[in-house]
C-alpha atoms as a PDB file:
ATOM      1  CA  MET A   1      37.617  12.630  26.739  1.00  0.00           C
ATOM      2  CA  LYS A   2      35.153  14.617  28.812  1.00  0.00           C
ATOM      3  CA  GLN A   3      35.014  18.368  28.462  1.00  0.00           C
ATOM      4  CA  THR A   4      34.650  20.313  31.698  1.00  0.00           C
ATOM      5  CA  LEU A   5      32.784  23.585  32.134  1.00  0.00           C
ATOM      6  CA  TRP A   6      36.127  25.344  32.448  1.00  0.00           C
ATOM      7  CA  GLY A   7      37.213  23.677  29.209  1.00  0.00           C
ATOM      8  CA  MET A   8      34.058  24.960  27.517  1.00  0.00           C
ATOM      9  CA  ILE A   9      34.812  28.478  28.720  1.00  0.00           C
ATOM     10  CA  LEU A  10      38.392  28.354  27.491  1.00  0.00           C
ATOM     11  CA  GLU A  11      37.307  26.924  24.151  1.00  0.00           C
ATOM     12  CA  ARG A  12      34.637  29.586  23.735  1.00  0.00           C
ATOM     13  CA  TRP A  13      37.119  32.414  24.141  1.00  0.00           C
ATOM     14  CA  ALA A  14      39.847  30.778  22.072  1.00  0.00           C
ATOM     15  CA  ALA A  15      40.236  31.991  18.512  1.00  0.00           C
ATOM     16  CA  ILE A  16      38.392  29.730  16.082  1.00  0.00           C
ATOM     17  CA  PRO A  17      40.179  28.983  12.793  1.00  0.00           C
ATOM     18  CA  PRO A  18      38.859  30.650   9.641  1.00  0.00           C
ATOM     19  CA  VAL A  19      36.549  28.573   7.491  1.00  0.00           C
ATOM     20  CA  VAL A  20      38.278  25.951   5.333  1.00  0.00           C
ATOM     21  CA  THR A  21      37.943  26.699   1.633  1.00  0.00           C
ATOM     22  CA  THR A  22      38.539  24.776  -1.578  1.00  0.00           C
ATOM     23  CA  ASN A  23      37.303  24.671  -5.152  1.00  0.00           C
ATOM     24  CA  LEU A  24      34.096  22.626  -5.348  1.00  0.00           C
ATOM     25  CA  THR A  25      33.700  22.883  -9.117  1.00  0.00           C
ATOM     26  CA  GLY A  26      31.692  19.937 -10.427  1.00  0.00           C
ATOM     27  CA  LYS A  27      30.988  18.519  -6.982  1.00  0.00           C
ATOM     28  CA  THR A  28      27.542  17.771  -5.559  1.00  0.00           C
ATOM     29  CA  ILE A  29      26.721  18.481  -1.930  1.00  0.00           C
ATOM     30  CA  ILE A  30      23.694  17.756   0.240  1.00  0.00           C
ATOM     31  CA  VAL A  31      23.105  19.551   3.541  1.00  0.00           C
ATOM     32  CA  THR A  32      20.093  18.428   5.552  1.00  0.00           C
ATOM     33  CA  GLY A  33      18.199  20.876   7.740  1.00  0.00           C
ATOM     34  CA  SER A  34      19.719  23.744   5.789  1.00  0.00           C
ATOM     35  CA  ASN A  35      16.950  26.325   5.799  1.00  0.00           C
ATOM     36  CA  ILE A  36      17.968  27.638   9.232  1.00  0.00           C
ATOM     37  CA  GLY A  37      20.826  27.844  11.722  1.00  0.00           C
ATOM     38  CA  LEU A  38      23.998  25.807  11.314  1.00  0.00           C
ATOM     39  CA  GLY A  39      22.794  24.055   8.179  1.00  0.00           C
ATOM     40  CA  LEU A  40      22.028  27.346   6.451  1.00  0.00           C
ATOM     41  CA  GLU A  41      25.396  28.878   7.346  1.00  0.00           C
ATOM     42  CA  THR A  42      27.218  25.706   6.310  1.00  0.00           C
ATOM     43  CA  ALA A  43      25.461  25.756   2.944  1.00  0.00           C
ATOM     44  CA  ARG A  44      26.287  29.458   2.567  1.00  0.00           C
ATOM     45  CA  HIS A  45      29.998  28.668   2.992  1.00  0.00           C
ATOM     46  CA  PHE A  46      29.800  25.913   0.383  1.00  0.00           C
ATOM     47  CA  ALA A  47      27.992  28.258  -2.013  1.00  0.00           C
ATOM     48  CA  ARG A  48      31.020  30.560  -2.034  1.00  0.00           C
ATOM     49  CA  MET A  49      33.232  27.710  -3.310  1.00  0.00           C
ATOM     50  CA  ASN A  50      31.650  27.296  -6.743  1.00  0.00           C
ATOM     51  CA  PRO A  51      29.857  23.955  -6.171  1.00  0.00           C
ATOM     52  CA  GLY A  52      28.593  21.997  -9.151  1.00  0.00           C
ATOM     53  CA  LYS A  53      25.322  21.516  -7.251  1.00  0.00           C
ATOM     54  CA  LEU A  54      24.384  22.430  -3.689  1.00  0.00           C
ATOM     55  CA  ILE A  55      21.183  20.835  -2.426  1.00  0.00           C
ATOM     56  CA  LEU A  56      19.313  22.205   0.575  1.00  0.00           C
ATOM     57  CA  ALA A  57      17.392  19.199   1.902  1.00  0.00           C
ATOM     58  CA  CYS A  58      14.605  20.587   4.096  1.00  0.00           C
ATOM     59  CA  ARG A  59      11.161  19.616   5.324  1.00  0.00           C
ATOM     60  CA  SER A  60       9.425  22.891   4.460  1.00  0.00           C
ATOM     61  CA  LYS A  61       9.265  23.842   0.787  1.00  0.00           C
ATOM     62  CA  GLU A  62       8.475  27.466   1.646  1.00  0.00           C
ATOM     63  CA  LYS A  63      11.412  27.822   4.037  1.00  0.00           C
ATOM     64  CA  GLY A  64      13.722  25.808   1.794  1.00  0.00           C
ATOM     65  CA  LEU A  65      13.043  27.993  -1.244  1.00  0.00           C
ATOM     66  CA  ALA A  66      13.476  31.112   0.897  1.00  0.00           C
ATOM     67  CA  ALA A  67      16.897  29.806   2.009  1.00  0.00           C
ATOM     68  CA  VAL A  68      17.854  29.101  -1.618  1.00  0.00           C
ATOM     69  CA  ALA A  69      16.923  32.664  -2.575  1.00  0.00           C
ATOM     70  CA  ASP A  70      18.835  34.053   0.412  1.00  0.00           C
ATOM     71  CA  ILE A  71      22.007  32.125  -0.451  1.00  0.00           C
ATOM     72  CA  LYS A  72      21.800  33.052  -4.130  1.00  0.00           C
ATOM     73  CA  ARG A  73      21.355  36.704  -3.236  1.00  0.00           C
ATOM     74  CA  ASP A  74      24.196  36.677  -0.718  1.00  0.00           C
ATOM     75  CA  THR A  75      26.773  34.611  -2.617  1.00  0.00           C
ATOM     76  CA  GLY A  76      25.823  34.794  -6.275  1.00  0.00           C
ATOM     77  CA  CYS A  77      25.822  30.976  -6.441  1.00  0.00           C
ATOM     78  CA  SER A  78      23.433  29.840  -9.161  1.00  0.00           C
ATOM     79  CA  THR A  79      23.728  26.096  -8.521  1.00  0.00           C
ATOM     80  CA  VAL A  80      21.957  25.943  -5.161  1.00  0.00           C
ATOM     81  CA  GLU A  81      18.565  24.235  -5.140  1.00  0.00           C
ATOM     82  CA  PHE A  82      15.914  22.862  -2.805  1.00  0.00           C
ATOM     83  CA  MET A  83      14.805  19.259  -2.403  1.00  0.00           C
ATOM     84  CA  ARG A  84      12.155  18.248   0.086  1.00  0.00           C
ATOM     85  CA  LEU A  85      13.219  15.865   2.835  1.00  0.00           C
ATOM     86  CA  ASP A  86      11.179  15.131   5.960  1.00  0.00           C
ATOM     87  CA  LEU A  87      13.108  12.886   8.328  1.00  0.00           C
ATOM     88  CA  ALA A  88       9.953  12.329  10.366  1.00  0.00           C
ATOM     89  CA  ASP A  89       8.624  10.312   7.424  1.00  0.00           C
ATOM     90  CA  PHE A  90      10.525   7.280   6.116  1.00  0.00           C
ATOM     91  CA  ASP A  91       8.634   7.478   2.816  1.00  0.00           C
ATOM     92  CA  SER A  92       9.978  11.006   2.351  1.00  0.00           C
ATOM     93  CA  VAL A  93      13.541   9.747   2.856  1.00  0.00           C
ATOM     94  CA  LYS A  94      13.056   6.991   0.282  1.00  0.00           C
ATOM     95  CA  SER A  95      11.467   9.421  -2.187  1.00  0.00           C
ATOM     96  CA  PHE A  96      14.307  11.870  -1.698  1.00  0.00           C
ATOM     97  CA  VAL A  97      16.937   9.216  -2.423  1.00  0.00           C
ATOM     98  CA  HIS A  98      15.053   7.985  -5.487  1.00  0.00           C
ATOM     99  CA  GLU A  99      14.663  11.499  -6.890  1.00  0.00           C
ATOM    100  CA  PHE A 100      18.268  12.413  -6.134  1.00  0.00           C
ATOM    101  CA  LYS A 101      19.656   9.313  -7.841  1.00  0.00           C
ATOM    102  CA  SER A 102      17.455   9.837 -10.886  1.00  0.00           C
ATOM    103  CA  GLN A 103      18.757  13.381 -11.357  1.00  0.00           C
ATOM    104  CA  ASN A 104      22.400  13.163 -10.278  1.00  0.00           C
ATOM    105  CA  GLU A 105      25.374  11.046 -11.228  1.00  0.00           C
ATOM    106  CA  ARG A 106      27.513  11.897  -8.226  1.00  0.00           C
ATOM    107  CA  LEU A 107      27.495  12.839  -4.547  1.00  0.00           C
ATOM    108  CA  ASP A 108      30.650  14.233  -2.979  1.00  0.00           C
ATOM    109  CA  ILE A 109      29.554  15.510   0.431  1.00  0.00           C
ATOM    110  CA  LEU A 110      26.593  14.551   2.611  1.00  0.00           C
ATOM    111  CA  VAL A 111      26.207  16.683   5.742  1.00  0.00           C
ATOM    112  CA  GLU A 112      23.651  15.096   8.071  1.00  0.00           C
ATOM    113  CA  ASN A 113      22.831  18.159  10.123  1.00  0.00           C
ATOM    114  CA  ALA A 114      19.039  18.043  10.616  1.00  0.00           C
ATOM    115  CA  ALA A 115      17.893  17.299  14.158  1.00  0.00           C
ATOM    116  CA  VAL A 116      15.165  18.059  16.670  1.00  0.00           C
ATOM    117  CA  ALA A 117      15.304  18.779  20.401  1.00  0.00           C
ATOM    118  CA  LEU A 118      11.998  18.421  22.240  1.00  0.00           C
ATOM    119  CA  TYR A 119      11.174  20.168  25.508  1.00  0.00           C
ATOM    120  CA  ASN A 120       7.669  18.806  26.069  1.00  0.00           C
ATOM    121  CA  PRO A 121       7.683  15.639  28.224  1.00  0.00           C
ATOM    122  CA  GLU A 122       4.725  14.233  26.289  1.00  0.00           C
ATOM    123  CA  PRO A 123       6.160  11.909  23.596  1.00  0.00           C
ATOM    124  CA  GLN A 124       5.481  12.681  19.953  1.00  0.00           C
ATOM    125  CA  PHE A 125       5.284   9.694  17.621  1.00  0.00           C
ATOM    126  CA  THR A 126       5.671   9.864  13.851  1.00  0.00           C
ATOM    127  CA  LYS A 127       3.316   8.187  11.399  1.00  0.00           C
ATOM    128  CA  ASP A 128       5.933   5.412  11.229  1.00  0.00           C
ATOM    129  CA  GLY A 129       5.416   4.722  14.932  1.00  0.00           C
ATOM    130  CA  TRP A 130       8.715   6.024  16.273  1.00  0.00           C
ATOM    131  CA  GLU A 131       9.342   8.683  18.891  1.00  0.00           C
ATOM    132  CA  LEU A 132      10.173  11.850  16.964  1.00  0.00           C
ATOM    133  CA  THR A 133      13.642  12.520  18.408  1.00  0.00           C
ATOM    134  CA  ILE A 134      14.941   9.051  17.649  1.00  0.00           C
ATOM    135  CA  GLN A 135      13.418   8.841  14.176  1.00  0.00           C
ATOM    136  CA  VAL A 136      14.710  12.242  13.024  1.00  0.00           C
ATOM    137  CA  ASN A 137      18.068  12.332  14.798  1.00  0.00           C
ATOM    138  CA  HIS A 138      18.989   8.681  14.380  1.00  0.00           C
ATOM    139  CA  LEU A 139      16.904   6.251  12.336  1.00  0.00           C
ATOM    140  CA  ALA A 140      15.957   8.420   9.352  1.00  0.00           C
ATOM    141  CA  SER A 141      19.416   9.977   9.186  1.00  0.00           C
ATOM    142  CA  CYS A 142      20.946   6.480   9.152  1.00  0.00           C
ATOM    143  CA  LEU A 143      18.486   5.427   6.456  1.00  0.00           C
ATOM    144  CA  LEU A 144      19.494   8.406   4.330  1.00  0.00           C
ATOM    145  CA  GLY A 145      23.205   7.711   4.745  1.00  0.00           C
ATOM    146  CA  LEU A 146      22.923   4.016   3.970  1.00  0.00           C
ATOM    147  CA  LEU A 147      20.695   4.459   0.917  1.00  0.00           C
ATOM    148  CA  LEU A 148      23.080   7.090  -0.484  1.00  0.00           C
ATOM    149  CA  LEU A 149      26.204   5.023   0.205  1.00  0.00           C
ATOM    150  CA  PRO A 150      26.223   3.326  -3.235  1.00  0.00           C
ATOM    151  CA  ILE A 151      26.345   6.645  -5.082  1.00  0.00           C
ATOM    152  CA  LEU A 152      29.086   7.880  -2.739  1.00  0.00           C
ATOM    153  CA  VAL A 153      31.153   4.776  -3.511  1.00  0.00           C
ATOM    154  CA  GLU A 154      30.514   5.092  -7.254  1.00  0.00           C
ATOM    155  CA  THR A 155      31.424   8.788  -7.159  1.00  0.00           C
ATOM    156  CA  ALA A 156      34.799   7.889  -5.684  1.00  0.00           C
ATOM    157  CA  LYS A 157      35.430   5.358  -8.465  1.00  0.00           C
ATOM    158  CA  ARG A 158      34.186   7.407 -11.408  1.00  0.00           C
ATOM    159  CA  PHE A 159      35.628  10.774 -10.456  1.00  0.00           C
ATOM    160  CA  ASN A 160      38.664   9.747  -8.391  1.00  0.00           C
ATOM    161  CA  THR A 161      37.495  11.730  -5.366  1.00  0.00           C
ATOM    162  CA  ARG A 162      37.136  11.214  -1.607  1.00  0.00           C
ATOM    163  CA  PRO A 163      33.430  11.618  -0.809  1.00  0.00           C
ATOM    164  CA  ARG A 164      32.485  12.381   2.778  1.00  0.00           C
ATOM    165  CA  VAL A 165      29.604  11.664   5.117  1.00  0.00           C
ATOM    166  CA  VAL A 166      29.501  14.133   8.000  1.00  0.00           C
ATOM    167  CA  VAL A 167      27.276  13.277  10.966  1.00  0.00           C
ATOM    168  CA  VAL A 168      26.567  16.276  13.172  1.00  0.00           C
ATOM    169  CA  THR A 169      26.494  15.237  16.814  1.00  0.00           C
ATOM    170  CA  SER A 170      26.998  17.053  20.123  1.00  0.00           C
ATOM    171  CA  GLY A 171      29.347  17.110  23.077  1.00  0.00           C
ATOM    172  CA  LEU A 172      26.258  16.248  25.113  1.00  0.00           C
ATOM    173  CA  HIS A 173      26.759  12.635  24.028  1.00  0.00           C
ATOM    174  CA  GLU A 174      29.258  12.478  26.909  1.00  0.00           C
ATOM    175  CA  ARG A 175      26.398  12.612  29.414  1.00  0.00           C
ATOM    176  CA  ALA A 176      24.244   9.959  27.779  1.00  0.00           C
ATOM    177  CA  ARG A 177      23.779   6.439  29.113  1.00  0.00           C
ATOM    178  CA  PHE A 178      21.342   3.705  28.144  1.00  0.00           C
ATOM    179  CA  GLU A 179      19.775   1.460  30.760  1.00  0.00           C
ATOM    180  CA  LYS A 180      21.212  -2.036  31.022  1.00  0.00           C
ATOM    181  CA  LYS A 181      17.812  -3.661  30.424  1.00  0.00           C
ATOM    182  CA  LEU A 182      17.660  -1.819  27.099  1.00  0.00           C
ATOM    183  CA  ILE A 183      21.116  -3.010  26.022  1.00  0.00           C
ATOM    184  CA  ASP A 184      20.174  -6.563  27.028  1.00  0.00           C
ATOM    185  CA  SER A 185      16.921  -6.436  25.044  1.00  0.00           C
ATOM    186  CA  SER A 186      16.522  -8.348  21.782  1.00  0.00           C
ATOM    187  CA  GLU A 187      14.955  -5.211  20.276  1.00  0.00           C
ATOM    188  CA  PRO A 188      16.576  -2.245  22.051  1.00  0.00           C
ATOM    189  CA  LEU A 189      15.450   0.472  19.648  1.00  0.00           C
ATOM    190  CA  ARG A 190      11.813  -0.644  19.698  1.00  0.00           C
ATOM    191  CA  ASP A 191      11.809  -0.952  23.482  1.00  0.00           C
ATOM    192  CA  TYR A 192      13.317   2.518  23.664  1.00  0.00           C
ATOM    193  CA  ALA A 193      11.314   4.447  21.102  1.00  0.00           C
ATOM    194  CA  HIS A 194       8.513   2.593  19.268  1.00  0.00           C
ATOM    195  CA  LYS A 195       4.948   3.346  20.306  1.00  0.00           C
ATOM    196  CA  ASP A 196       3.968  -0.349  20.265  1.00  0.00           C
ATOM    197  CA  ASP A 197       6.745  -1.346  22.654  1.00  0.00           C
ATOM    198  CA  VAL A 198       7.571   1.535  25.000  1.00  0.00           C
ATOM    199  CA  ASP A 199       6.170   1.950  28.473  1.00  0.00           C
ATOM    200  CA  PRO A 200       2.654   3.436  28.117  1.00  0.00           C
ATOM    201  CA  GLY A 201       3.602   6.050  30.715  1.00  0.00           C
ATOM    202  CA  LEU A 202       6.667   7.190  28.772  1.00  0.00           C
ATOM    203  CA  ARG A 203       7.820  10.728  29.420  1.00  0.00           C
ATOM    204  CA  ILE A 204      10.580  12.252  27.350  1.00  0.00           C
ATOM    205  CA  ALA A 205      13.450  12.997  29.680  1.00  0.00           C
ATOM    206  CA  PRO A 206      15.753  15.953  28.962  1.00  0.00           C
ATOM    207  CA  GLY A 207      18.508  13.439  28.244  1.00  0.00           C
ATOM    208  CA  ARG A 208      16.823  11.949  25.178  1.00  0.00           C
ATOM    209  CA  TYR A 209      18.446  14.486  22.852  1.00  0.00           C
ATOM    210  CA  SER A 210      21.846  13.612  24.356  1.00  0.00           C
ATOM    211  CA  GLU A 211      21.126   9.923  23.856  1.00  0.00           C
ATOM    212  CA  SER A 212      20.255  10.550  20.203  1.00  0.00           C
ATOM    213  CA  LYS A 213      23.593  12.312  19.819  1.00  0.00           C
ATOM    214  CA  LEU A 214      25.364   9.304  21.352  1.00  0.00           C
ATOM    215  CA  LEU A 215      23.617   7.166  18.729  1.00  0.00           C
ATOM    216  CA  ASN A 216      24.994   9.569  16.091  1.00  0.00           C
ATOM    217  CA  VAL A 217      28.532   8.971  17.328  1.00  0.00           C
ATOM    218  CA  TYR A 218      27.974   5.208  17.377  1.00  0.00           C
ATOM    219  CA  PHE A 219      26.576   5.230  13.843  1.00  0.00           C
ATOM    220  CA  ALA A 220      29.410   7.285  12.363  1.00  0.00           C
ATOM    221  CA  ARG A 221      32.034   5.109  14.030  1.00  0.00           C
ATOM    222  CA  ALA A 222      30.277   1.869  13.057  1.00  0.00           C
ATOM    223  CA  LEU A 223      29.760   2.919   9.436  1.00  0.00           C
ATOM    224  CA  HIS A 224      33.442   3.809   9.187  1.00  0.00           C
ATOM    225  CA  GLU A 225      34.481   0.500  10.735  1.00  0.00           C
ATOM    226  CA  HIS A 226      32.251  -1.499   8.378  1.00  0.00           C
ATOM    227  CA  LEU A 227      33.596   0.169   5.259  1.00  0.00           C
ATOM    228  CA  PRO A 228      36.469  -1.762   3.640  1.00  0.00           C
ATOM    229  CA  PRO A 229      39.845  -0.330   4.753  1.00  0.00           C
ATOM    230  CA  GLN A 230      40.640   0.696   1.184  1.00  0.00           C
ATOM    231  CA  SER A 231      37.352   2.573   0.770  1.00  0.00           C
ATOM    232  CA  ALA A 232      37.694   6.127  -0.509  1.00  0.00           C
ATOM    233  CA  VAL A 233      34.567   7.202   1.375  1.00  0.00           C
ATOM    234  CA  ILE A 234      35.281   9.148   4.561  1.00  0.00           C
ATOM    235  CA  VAL A 235      32.823   9.088   7.453  1.00  0.00           C
ATOM    236  CA  ASN A 236      33.218  11.297  10.489  1.00  0.00           C
ATOM    237  CA  SER A 237      31.221  13.047  13.188  1.00  0.00           C
ATOM    238  CA  VAL A 238      31.495  16.613  14.447  1.00  0.00           C
ATOM    239  CA  THR A 239      30.252  18.651  17.373  1.00  0.00           C
ATOM    240  CA  PRO A 240      29.703  22.350  16.656  1.00  0.00           C
ATOM    241  CA  GLY A 241      29.661  23.055  20.390  1.00  0.00           C
ATOM    242  CA  LEU A 242      27.328  25.523  22.054  1.00  0.00           C
ATOM    243  CA  CYS A 243      26.343  28.070  19.466  1.00  0.00           C
ATOM    244  CA  TYR A 244      23.285  29.979  18.385  1.00  0.00           C
ATOM    245  CA  SER A 245      21.170  27.802  16.107  1.00  0.00           C
ATOM    246  CA  GLY A 246      17.580  26.954  15.340  1.00  0.00           C
ATOM    247  CA  LEU A 247      17.695  23.863  17.561  1.00  0.00           C
ATOM    248  CA  ARG A 248      16.374  25.615  20.671  1.00  0.00           C
ATOM    249  CA  ARG A 249      13.811  27.786  18.919  1.00  0.00           C
ATOM    250  CA  ASP A 250      10.917  26.034  20.738  1.00  0.00           C
ATOM    251  CA  LEU A 251      12.471  26.343  24.199  1.00  0.00           C
ATOM    252  CA  SER A 252      10.319  28.381  26.574  1.00  0.00           C
ATOM    253  CA  LEU A 253      12.111  31.087  28.518  1.00  0.00           C
ATOM    254  CA  ALA A 254       9.380  30.826  31.138  1.00  0.00           C
ATOM    255  CA  SER A 255      11.050  27.712  32.579  1.00  0.00           C
ATOM    256  CA  ILE A 256      14.108  27.653  34.813  1.00  0.00           C
ATOM    257  CA  GLY A 257      15.852  25.369  32.341  1.00  0.00           C
ATOM    258  CA  GLY A 258      15.073  27.738  29.506  1.00  0.00           C
ATOM    259  CA  LEU A 259      16.440  30.702  31.409  1.00  0.00           C
ATOM    260  CA  LEU A 260      19.639  28.833  32.317  1.00  0.00           C
ATOM    261  CA  ILE A 261      20.224  27.765  28.712  1.00  0.00           C
ATOM    262  CA  SER A 262      19.544  31.308  27.519  1.00  0.00           C
ATOM    263  CA  LEU A 263      22.102  32.633  30.021  1.00  0.00           C
ATOM    264  CA  MET A 264      24.658  30.029  28.939  1.00  0.00           C
ATOM    265  CA  GLU A 265      24.142  31.052  25.318  1.00  0.00           C
ATOM    266  CA  LYS A 266      24.786  34.693  26.110  1.00  0.00           C
ATOM    267  CA  VAL A 267      27.985  33.847  27.996  1.00  0.00           C
ATOM    268  CA  LEU A 268      29.392  30.850  26.126  1.00  0.00           C
ATOM    269  CA  ALA A 269      27.723  30.435  22.743  1.00  0.00           C
ATOM    270  CA  ARG A 270      29.517  31.112  19.498  1.00  0.00           C
ATOM    271  CA  THR A 271      27.699  32.653  16.593  1.00  0.00           C
ATOM    272  CA  THR A 272      25.902  30.414  14.135  1.00  0.00           C
ATOM    273  CA  GLU A 273      28.488  31.209  11.477  1.00  0.00           C
ATOM    274  CA  GLU A 274      31.353  30.306  13.821  1.00  0.00           C
ATOM    275  CA  GLY A 275      29.649  27.023  14.685  1.00  0.00           C
ATOM    276  CA  SER A 276      29.175  26.192  11.018  1.00  0.00           C
ATOM    277  CA  ARG A 277      32.928  26.328  10.406  1.00  0.00           C
ATOM    278  CA  SER A 278      33.339  22.995  12.209  1.00  0.00           C
ATOM    279  CA  LEU A 279      30.849  21.365   9.817  1.00  0.00           C
ATOM    280  CA  VAL A 280      32.755  22.744   6.835  1.00  0.00           C
ATOM    281  CA  PHE A 281      36.019  21.514   8.356  1.00  0.00           C
ATOM    282  CA  ALA A 282      34.554  18.020   8.751  1.00  0.00           C
ATOM    283  CA  SER A 283      33.524  18.161   5.087  1.00  0.00           C
ATOM    284  CA  LEU A 284      36.723  19.604   3.611  1.00  0.00           C
ATOM    285  CA  GLY A 285      39.497  19.629   6.214  1.00  0.00           C
ATOM    286  CA  GLU A 286      42.846  17.848   5.902  1.00  0.00           C
ATOM    287  CA  GLU A 287      42.542  17.874   2.120  1.00  0.00           C
ATOM    288  CA  LYS A 288      46.189  16.824   1.708  1.00  0.00           C
ATOM    289  CA  GLU A 289      45.908  13.972   4.226  1.00  0.00           C
ATOM    290  CA  PRO A 290      42.226  12.996   4.062  1.00  0.00           C
ATOM    291  CA  ASP A 291      42.716   9.617   5.736  1.00  0.00           C
ATOM    292  CA  LYS A 292      43.189  11.504   9.001  1.00  0.00           C
ATOM    293  CA  MET A 293      39.474  12.264   8.843  1.00  0.00           C
ATOM    294  CA  LYS A 294      38.321   8.644   8.461  1.00  0.00           C
ATOM    295  CA  GLY A 295      36.260   7.749  11.509  1.00  0.00           C
ATOM    296  CA  ALA A 296      37.328  10.938  13.260  1.00  0.00           C
ATOM    297  CA  TYR A 297      35.400  12.839  15.888  1.00  0.00           C
ATOM    298  CA  LEU A 298      35.889  16.563  15.327  1.00  0.00           C
ATOM    299  CA  SER A 299      35.609  19.396  17.810  1.00  0.00           C
ATOM    300  CA  SER A 300      33.973  22.802  17.563  1.00  0.00           C
ATOM    301  CA  SER A 301      37.476  24.256  17.257  1.00  0.00           C
ATOM    302  CA  CYS A 302      37.953  22.496  13.909  1.00  0.00           C
ATOM    303  CA  ALA A 303      40.353  19.865  15.176  1.00  0.00           C
ATOM    304  CA  ILE A 304      40.457  16.086  15.480  1.00  0.00           C
ATOM    305  CA  TYR A 305      39.371  15.307  19.022  1.00  0.00           C
ATOM    306  CA  GLU A 306      38.029  12.299  20.939  1.00  0.00           C
ATOM    307  CA  PRO A 307      34.495  11.257  21.811  1.00  0.00           C
ATOM    308  CA  SER A 308      33.735  10.374  25.413  1.00  0.00           C
ATOM    309  CA  ASP A 309      35.832   7.847  27.316  1.00  0.00           C
ATOM    310  CA  TYR A 310      32.671   5.750  27.562  1.00  0.00           C
ATOM    311  CA  VAL A 311      32.403   5.533  23.757  1.00  0.00           C
ATOM    312  CA  LEU A 312      36.055   4.535  23.543  1.00  0.00           C
ATOM    313  CA  GLY A 313      35.733   1.933  26.310  1.00  0.00           C
ATOM    314  CA  GLU A 314      34.556  -1.665  26.327  1.00  0.00           C
ATOM    315  CA  GLU A 315      30.935  -0.862  27.206  1.00  0.00           C
ATOM    316  CA  GLY A 316      30.702   1.763  24.490  1.00  0.00           C
ATOM    317  CA  ALA A 317      32.105  -0.636  21.902  1.00  0.00           C
ATOM    318  CA  LYS A 318      29.515  -3.227  22.949  1.00  0.00           C
ATOM    319  CA  GLU A 319      26.662  -0.719  22.695  1.00  0.00           C
ATOM    320  CA  GLN A 320      27.913   0.455  19.313  1.00  0.00           C
ATOM    321  CA  ARG A 321      27.750  -3.089  17.929  1.00  0.00           C
ATOM    322  CA  ILE A 322      24.302  -3.676  19.415  1.00  0.00           C
ATOM    323  CA  PHE A 323      22.815  -0.456  18.069  1.00  0.00           C
ATOM    324  CA  TRP A 324      24.431  -0.896  14.658  1.00  0.00           C
ATOM    325  CA  ASP A 325      22.955  -4.374  14.246  1.00  0.00           C
ATOM    326  CA  ASP A 326      19.561  -3.288  15.535  1.00  0.00           C
ATOM    327  CA  THR A 327      19.504  -0.152  13.380  1.00  0.00           C
ATOM    328  CA  VAL A 328      20.252  -2.180  10.255  1.00  0.00           C
ATOM    329  CA  LYS A 329      17.550  -4.673  11.240  1.00  0.00           C
ATOM    330  CA  GLU A 330      14.899  -1.992  11.789  1.00  0.00           C
ATOM    331  CA  LEU A 331      15.810  -0.038   8.653  1.00  0.00           C
ATOM    332  CA  THR A 332      15.706  -3.195   6.535  1.00  0.00           C
ATOM    333  CA  LYS A 333      12.039  -3.433   7.524  1.00  0.00           C
ATOM    334  CA  VAL A 334      11.597   0.123   6.247  1.00  0.00           C
ATOM    335  CA  ASP A 335      13.444  -0.541   2.985  1.00  0.00           C
ATOM    336  CA  PRO A 336      14.902  -3.962   2.011  1.00  0.00           C
ATOM    337  CA  GLN A 337      17.583  -2.110   0.004  1.00  0.00           C
ATOM    338  CA  VAL A 338      19.333  -1.399   3.299  1.00  0.00           C
ATOM    339  CA  GLU A 339      20.218  -5.067   3.733  1.00  0.00           C
ATOM    340  CA  GLN A 340      21.528  -5.199   0.169  1.00  0.00           C
ATOM    341  CA  VAL A 341      23.657  -2.087   0.667  1.00  0.00           C
ATOM    342  CA  VAL A 342      25.174  -3.613   3.793  1.00  0.00           C
ATOM    343  CA  LYS A 343      25.962  -6.846   1.915  1.00  0.00           C
ATOM    344  CA  ASP A 344      27.361  -5.156  -1.181  1.00  0.00           C
ATOM    345  CA  TYR A 345      29.303  -2.224   0.257  1.00  0.00           C
ATOM    346  CA  LEU A 346      30.185  -3.005   3.884  1.00  0.00           C
ATOM    347  CA  ARG A 347      32.148  -5.608   5.712  1.00  0.00           C
END
């Protein structure tokens, strides 16, 4: 389903439901990218629900600790803590998972919120060799989710709960398309985003962020479909819609594009807190009928919605399979445990 501009306007001025609340006593939650914007406000909501442990997973220790102090001061929650996680570094992801598992016996909610949006056409490559947008928004987030899947499954068994993985995407995925030659490639991700394989003259088009968000939708849907039908783990994706966040903090207002986006924000954007309600809904909504949330795509109005018609169509299904297989292949090179997780926990 494609949202029109008029639909965006109507949605913006429609009343947004109040934040979903529940008792999180004893439960452990991770929110990535939670020192700023939507992640911070999402974590603040969780902190008011008496979580057993609330982990702010952020790249910057200084900013992460400042966010912890801010949330403690604002909510009185004493169980919020910082753990360093840099999605631009696969070693950091693996270290995070190792440290988390060594210190925690359960994981109830994983909110994969961290993302980057680049506005400089010159590509930035990580030390792992991947273009920054695709490593942070897709590959490293997938690595995190897959490596934490065993503890999510064990949490469900040991504590009789319904753990959730929430992948934060965007309605911009509706505009994204991958070139046919990429889909036909034997190594689509490397041809698309690895420094050893991309066109030497690569320039980052404005649509790359949208394409990374399409990959988010594909991953969430594929992970859900590969889980056994009886699995207690719930995987979904959510779009917070246009709202004020830290995502566009590097956008220059000196450009025409920057000015247009700034104007759109003033007219159409919800507040950061309002946007965060959709992430909380994806994490806690439909508590009495949680199976409704399995594989769901959730709107900024805190409702079960539909991704784009392209995703739901034959071509989208084909791309989803291709990118799932290729993502697992590439991440197995990063950490062989990925292959074992897929064998042991997925169909």
